[in-house]
Each structure stands twice: as structure tokens, then as C-alpha cells.
Amino acid sequence: MMARILASLSAGLVFGLGLAVSQMVNPAKVLAFLDVAGAWDPSLALVMGAAVAVTWVGYRLVLGRPKPVLTESFQLPTKTAIDARLITGAAIFGIGWGLAGLCPGPAIASAAYLQAETLYFVPAMLAGLFLARRIA
């Protein structure tokens, strides 16, 4: 159990560090990337490309094993259909990201900086998560 907790903590720290180094925690940087019709900053495309490449390699390596190292079985999504709920959730996520320049991972990582945007966004995000679970 302790090994799983330490592995989760380590993965979270590396993820947060990556978000900070790539400036994904900076709403102005993210909004400049999303502003393709204006002063577009394409630098975050390299971050996304690197993330896709690392994930692709990681999935190939990990799923090639008979079982995970720290648990008994893989827990992969079984639902593959694209339905209205998925599209609605993706649209809400994208609209929120475009308006605030933050999405959940970077928002939590940037909470350490005590930026005003984050101090408003994280409680609103948590309220939205709570409401979504209550409605579903």
C-alpha cells in the first residue's frame, strides 16, 4: 500500500513539475496558444506533442506486461461509444479552458503560486464537479 502511495505521489510531483516548466499553469500562456486567430503562441503544441509521444510509448510498455507492478489488474475504460454526454462534457471542458486559460491539472498545480485566477477557478471547478456528480 505504501509503495502505491509513494508511486502516486511521485507521479503527481513529476506531472506538476512538467506543468510548471512548460508554463501550462500560466493562464496567459494557455490563452495565447488557444488564440489561433490573434497573437497565436504555438509553443504549447510542442508540450502536447511530447505528452502524446510519452503516453504512446508508456502505454505500449506498460500494457505489454501481464499485470501492473503495484496492483493485481489493469483498470482500463470499457466504454468506447461517443455519446451526447461525452460531447457535452468535452464542450464544457473546452469552453472553460478557453475562458479561464486553466484546466483541472494545471489549476491544481498553479494553486501553489496563489494566482488570483487559480483562487477563483479551483473552488468553481470543485463546485462544478460536485454538481455534476449530484446531477448524474
C-alpha atoms as a PDB file:
ATOM      1  CA  MET A   1       0.000   0.000   0.000  1.00  0.00           C
ATOM      2  CA  MET A   2       2.812   2.427   0.878  1.00  0.00           C
ATOM      3  CA  ALA A   3       4.525   1.711  -2.462  1.00  0.00           C
ATOM      4  CA  ARG A   4       1.331   2.683  -4.322  1.00  0.00           C
ATOM      5  CA  ILE A   5       1.045   5.908  -2.327  1.00  0.00           C
ATOM      6  CA  LEU A   6       4.684   6.819  -2.983  1.00  0.00           C
ATOM      7  CA  ALA A   7       4.347   5.964  -6.688  1.00  0.00           C
ATOM      8  CA  SER A   8       1.217   8.144  -6.918  1.00  0.00           C
ATOM      9  CA  LEU A   9       2.921  10.998  -5.077  1.00  0.00           C
ATOM     10  CA  SER A  10       5.996  10.750  -7.312  1.00  0.00           C
ATOM     11  CA  ALA A  11       3.897  10.686 -10.489  1.00  0.00           C
ATOM     12  CA  GLY A  12       1.904  13.702  -9.286  1.00  0.00           C
ATOM     13  CA  LEU A  13       5.052  15.654  -8.454  1.00  0.00           C
ATOM     14  CA  VAL A  14       6.608  14.907 -11.849  1.00  0.00           C
ATOM     15  CA  PHE A  15       3.346  15.855 -13.589  1.00  0.00           C
ATOM     16  CA  GLY A  16       3.087  19.119 -11.621  1.00  0.00           C
ATOM     17  CA  LEU A  17       6.727  19.939 -12.318  1.00  0.00           C
ATOM     18  CA  GLY A  18       6.148  19.315 -16.030  1.00  0.00           C
ATOM     19  CA  LEU A  19       3.131  21.615 -15.987  1.00  0.00           C
ATOM     20  CA  ALA A  20       5.134  24.349 -14.260  1.00  0.00           C
ATOM     21  CA  VAL A  21       8.194  24.029 -16.542  1.00  0.00           C
ATOM     22  CA  SER A  22       6.024  24.037 -19.686  1.00  0.00           C
ATOM     23  CA  GLN A  23       4.076  27.055 -18.360  1.00  0.00           C
ATOM     24  CA  MET A  24       0.759  25.198 -18.637  1.00  0.00           C
ATOM     25  CA  VAL A  25      -0.021  26.725 -15.227  1.00  0.00           C
ATOM     26  CA  ASN A  26       0.125  30.218 -16.738  1.00  0.00           C
ATOM     27  CA  PRO A  27      -3.371  31.158 -17.998  1.00  0.00           C
ATOM     28  CA  ALA A  28      -1.951  33.902 -20.234  1.00  0.00           C
ATOM     29  CA  LYS A  29       0.329  31.368 -21.973  1.00  0.00           C
ATOM     30  CA  VAL A  30      -2.544  28.917 -22.498  1.00  0.00           C
ATOM     31  CA  LEU A  31      -4.885  31.616 -23.795  1.00  0.00           C
ATOM     32  CA  ALA A  32      -2.183  32.791 -26.224  1.00  0.00           C
ATOM     33  CA  PHE A  33      -1.931  29.214 -27.506  1.00  0.00           C
ATOM     34  CA  LEU A  34      -5.700  28.969 -27.921  1.00  0.00           C
ATOM     35  CA  ASP A  35      -5.896  32.337 -29.749  1.00  0.00           C
ATOM     36  CA  VAL A  36      -5.261  30.950 -33.248  1.00  0.00           C
ATOM     37  CA  ALA A  37      -6.903  33.963 -34.903  1.00  0.00           C
ATOM     38  CA  GLY A  38      -4.854  36.522 -32.971  1.00  0.00           C
ATOM     39  CA  ALA A  39      -1.411  36.586 -31.392  1.00  0.00           C
ATOM     40  CA  TRP A  40      -1.032  32.798 -31.510  1.00  0.00           C
ATOM     41  CA  ASP A  41       1.777  31.246 -29.450  1.00  0.00           C
ATOM     42  CA  PRO A  42       2.345  27.712 -30.839  1.00  0.00           C
ATOM     43  CA  SER A  43       4.908  26.677 -28.197  1.00  0.00           C
ATOM     44  CA  LEU A  44       2.418  24.592 -26.202  1.00  0.00           C
ATOM     45  CA  ALA A  45       1.892  22.406 -29.282  1.00  0.00           C
ATOM     46  CA  LEU A  46       5.363  21.011 -28.551  1.00  0.00           C
ATOM     47  CA  VAL A  47       4.266  20.228 -24.998  1.00  0.00           C
ATOM     48  CA  MET A  48       1.171  18.409 -26.261  1.00  0.00           C
ATOM     49  CA  GLY A  49       3.180  16.551 -28.901  1.00  0.00           C
ATOM     50  CA  ALA A  50       5.702  15.409 -26.306  1.00  0.00           C
ATOM     51  CA  ALA A  51       2.878  14.315 -23.983  1.00  0.00           C
ATOM     52  CA  VAL A  52       1.268  12.257 -26.746  1.00  0.00           C
ATOM     53  CA  ALA A  53       4.604  10.635 -27.617  1.00  0.00           C
ATOM     54  CA  VAL A  54       5.411   9.759 -23.994  1.00  0.00           C
ATOM     55  CA  THR A  55       1.897   8.392 -23.461  1.00  0.00           C
ATOM     56  CA  TRP A  56       2.078   6.293 -26.632  1.00  0.00           C
ATOM     57  CA  VAL A  57       5.397   4.734 -25.589  1.00  0.00           C
ATOM     58  CA  GLY A  58       4.243   4.323 -21.981  1.00  0.00           C
ATOM     59  CA  TYR A  59       1.056   2.508 -22.939  1.00  0.00           C
ATOM     60  CA  ARG A  60       2.997   0.142 -25.208  1.00  0.00           C
ATOM     61  CA  LEU A  61       5.482  -0.671 -22.445  1.00  0.00           C
ATOM     62  CA  VAL A  62       3.007  -0.987 -19.585  1.00  0.00           C
ATOM     63  CA  LEU A  63       0.223  -2.834 -21.407  1.00  0.00           C
ATOM     64  CA  GLY A  64       2.784  -5.312 -22.729  1.00  0.00           C
ATOM     65  CA  ARG A  65       3.210  -6.602 -19.171  1.00  0.00           C
ATOM     66  CA  PRO A  66       0.997  -9.406 -17.859  1.00  0.00           C
ATOM     67  CA  LYS A  67      -0.141  -7.216 -14.932  1.00  0.00           C
ATOM     68  CA  PRO A  68       0.687  -3.892 -13.281  1.00  0.00           C
ATOM     69  CA  VAL A  69       3.568  -3.735 -10.812  1.00  0.00           C
ATOM     70  CA  LEU A  70       1.639  -2.360  -7.820  1.00  0.00           C
ATOM     71  CA  THR A  71      -1.834  -3.874  -8.233  1.00  0.00           C
ATOM     72  CA  GLU A  72      -3.492  -7.045  -9.463  1.00  0.00           C
ATOM     73  CA  SER A  73      -5.022  -5.941 -12.756  1.00  0.00           C
ATOM     74  CA  PHE A  74      -5.198  -3.121 -15.271  1.00  0.00           C
ATOM     75  CA  GLN A  75      -8.173  -0.794 -14.915  1.00  0.00           C
ATOM     76  CA  LEU A  76      -8.876   0.492 -18.413  1.00  0.00           C
ATOM     77  CA  PRO A  77     -12.022   2.215 -19.669  1.00  0.00           C
ATOM     78  CA  THR A  78     -14.516  -0.170 -21.209  1.00  0.00           C
ATOM     79  CA  LYS A  79     -16.843   2.392 -22.748  1.00  0.00           C
ATOM     80  CA  THR A  80     -15.880   3.307 -26.298  1.00  0.00           C
ATOM     81  CA  ALA A  81     -19.029   4.976 -27.641  1.00  0.00           C
ATOM     82  CA  ILE A  82     -19.063   8.680 -28.419  1.00  0.00           C
ATOM     83  CA  ASP A  83     -22.360   9.846 -26.973  1.00  0.00           C
ATOM     84  CA  ALA A  84     -24.078  13.121 -26.082  1.00  0.00           C
ATOM     85  CA  ARG A  85     -22.748  13.034 -22.523  1.00  0.00           C
ATOM     86  CA  LEU A  86     -19.142  12.766 -23.746  1.00  0.00           C
ATOM     87  CA  ILE A  87     -19.584  15.540 -26.320  1.00  0.00           C
ATOM     88  CA  THR A  88     -21.324  17.809 -23.800  1.00  0.00           C
ATOM     89  CA  GLY A  89     -18.602  17.237 -21.206  1.00  0.00           C
ATOM     90  CA  ALA A  90     -15.851  17.875 -23.756  1.00  0.00           C
ATOM     91  CA  ALA A  91     -17.577  21.079 -24.892  1.00  0.00           C
ATOM     92  CA  ILE A  92     -17.947  22.360 -21.322  1.00  0.00           C
ATOM     93  CA  PHE A  93     -14.313  21.473 -20.602  1.00  0.00           C
ATOM     94  CA  GLY A  94     -13.122  23.271 -23.761  1.00  0.00           C
ATOM     95  CA  ILE A  95     -15.236  26.350 -23.146  1.00  0.00           C
ATOM     96  CA  GLY A  96     -13.997  26.574 -19.556  1.00  0.00           C
ATOM     97  CA  TRP A  97     -10.394  26.115 -20.657  1.00  0.00           C
ATOM     98  CA  GLY A  98     -10.777  28.785 -23.307  1.00  0.00           C
ATOM     99  CA  LEU A  99     -12.407  31.264 -20.942  1.00  0.00           C
ATOM    100  CA  ALA A 100     -10.132  30.758 -17.934  1.00  0.00           C
ATOM    101  CA  GLY A 101      -6.914  29.507 -19.517  1.00  0.00           C
ATOM    102  CA  LEU A 102      -6.877  26.731 -16.929  1.00  0.00           C
ATOM    103  CA  CYS A 103      -7.947  23.116 -16.846  1.00  0.00           C
ATOM    104  CA  PRO A 104      -8.021  20.901 -13.723  1.00  0.00           C
ATOM    105  CA  GLY A 105      -4.431  19.605 -13.666  1.00  0.00           C
ATOM    106  CA  PRO A 106      -2.685  22.926 -14.254  1.00  0.00           C
ATOM    107  CA  ALA A 107      -5.160  24.712 -11.965  1.00  0.00           C
ATOM    108  CA  ILE A 108      -4.290  22.467  -9.041  1.00  0.00           C
ATOM    109  CA  ALA A 109      -0.567  22.720  -9.820  1.00  0.00           C
ATOM    110  CA  SER A 110      -0.763  26.515 -10.063  1.00  0.00           C
ATOM    111  CA  ALA A 111      -2.532  26.764  -6.707  1.00  0.00           C
ATOM    112  CA  ALA A 112       0.962  26.784  -5.201  1.00  0.00           C
ATOM    113  CA  TYR A 113       1.558  30.167  -6.878  1.00  0.00           C
ATOM    114  CA  LEU A 114      -1.575  31.651  -5.243  1.00  0.00           C
ATOM    115  CA  GLN A 115      -2.568  33.370  -8.502  1.00  0.00           C
ATOM    116  CA  ALA A 116      -5.916  35.161  -8.340  1.00  0.00           C
ATOM    117  CA  GLU A 117      -7.230  33.219 -11.348  1.00  0.00           C
ATOM    118  CA  THR A 118      -6.488  29.942  -9.615  1.00  0.00           C
ATOM    119  CA  LEU A 119      -8.025  31.014  -6.320  1.00  0.00           C
ATOM    120  CA  TYR A 120     -11.299  31.635  -8.180  1.00  0.00           C
ATOM    121  CA  PHE A 121     -11.050  28.722 -10.597  1.00  0.00           C
ATOM    122  CA  VAL A 122     -10.311  25.819  -8.231  1.00  0.00           C
ATOM    123  CA  PRO A 123     -13.345  26.367  -5.937  1.00  0.00           C
ATOM    124  CA  ALA A 124     -15.570  26.862  -9.000  1.00  0.00           C
ATOM    125  CA  MET A 125     -14.154  23.663 -10.510  1.00  0.00           C
ATOM    126  CA  LEU A 126     -14.802  21.717  -7.313  1.00  0.00           C
ATOM    127  CA  ALA A 127     -18.356  23.082  -7.163  1.00  0.00           C
ATOM    128  CA  GLY A 128     -18.890  22.025 -10.782  1.00  0.00           C
ATOM    129  CA  LEU A 129     -17.573  18.526 -10.044  1.00  0.00           C
ATOM    130  CA  PHE A 130     -19.889  18.265  -7.062  1.00  0.00           C
ATOM    131  CA  LEU A 131     -22.909  19.424  -9.085  1.00  0.00           C
ATOM    132  CA  ALA A 132     -22.085  17.090 -11.975  1.00  0.00           C
ATOM    133  CA  ARG A 133     -21.974  14.118  -9.594  1.00  0.00           C
ATOM    134  CA  ARG A 134     -25.237  15.155  -7.955  1.00  0.00           C
ATOM    135  CA  ILE A 135     -26.970  15.539 -11.316  1.00  0.00           C
ATOM    136  CA  ALA A 136     -25.610  12.252 -12.721  1.00  0.00           C
END
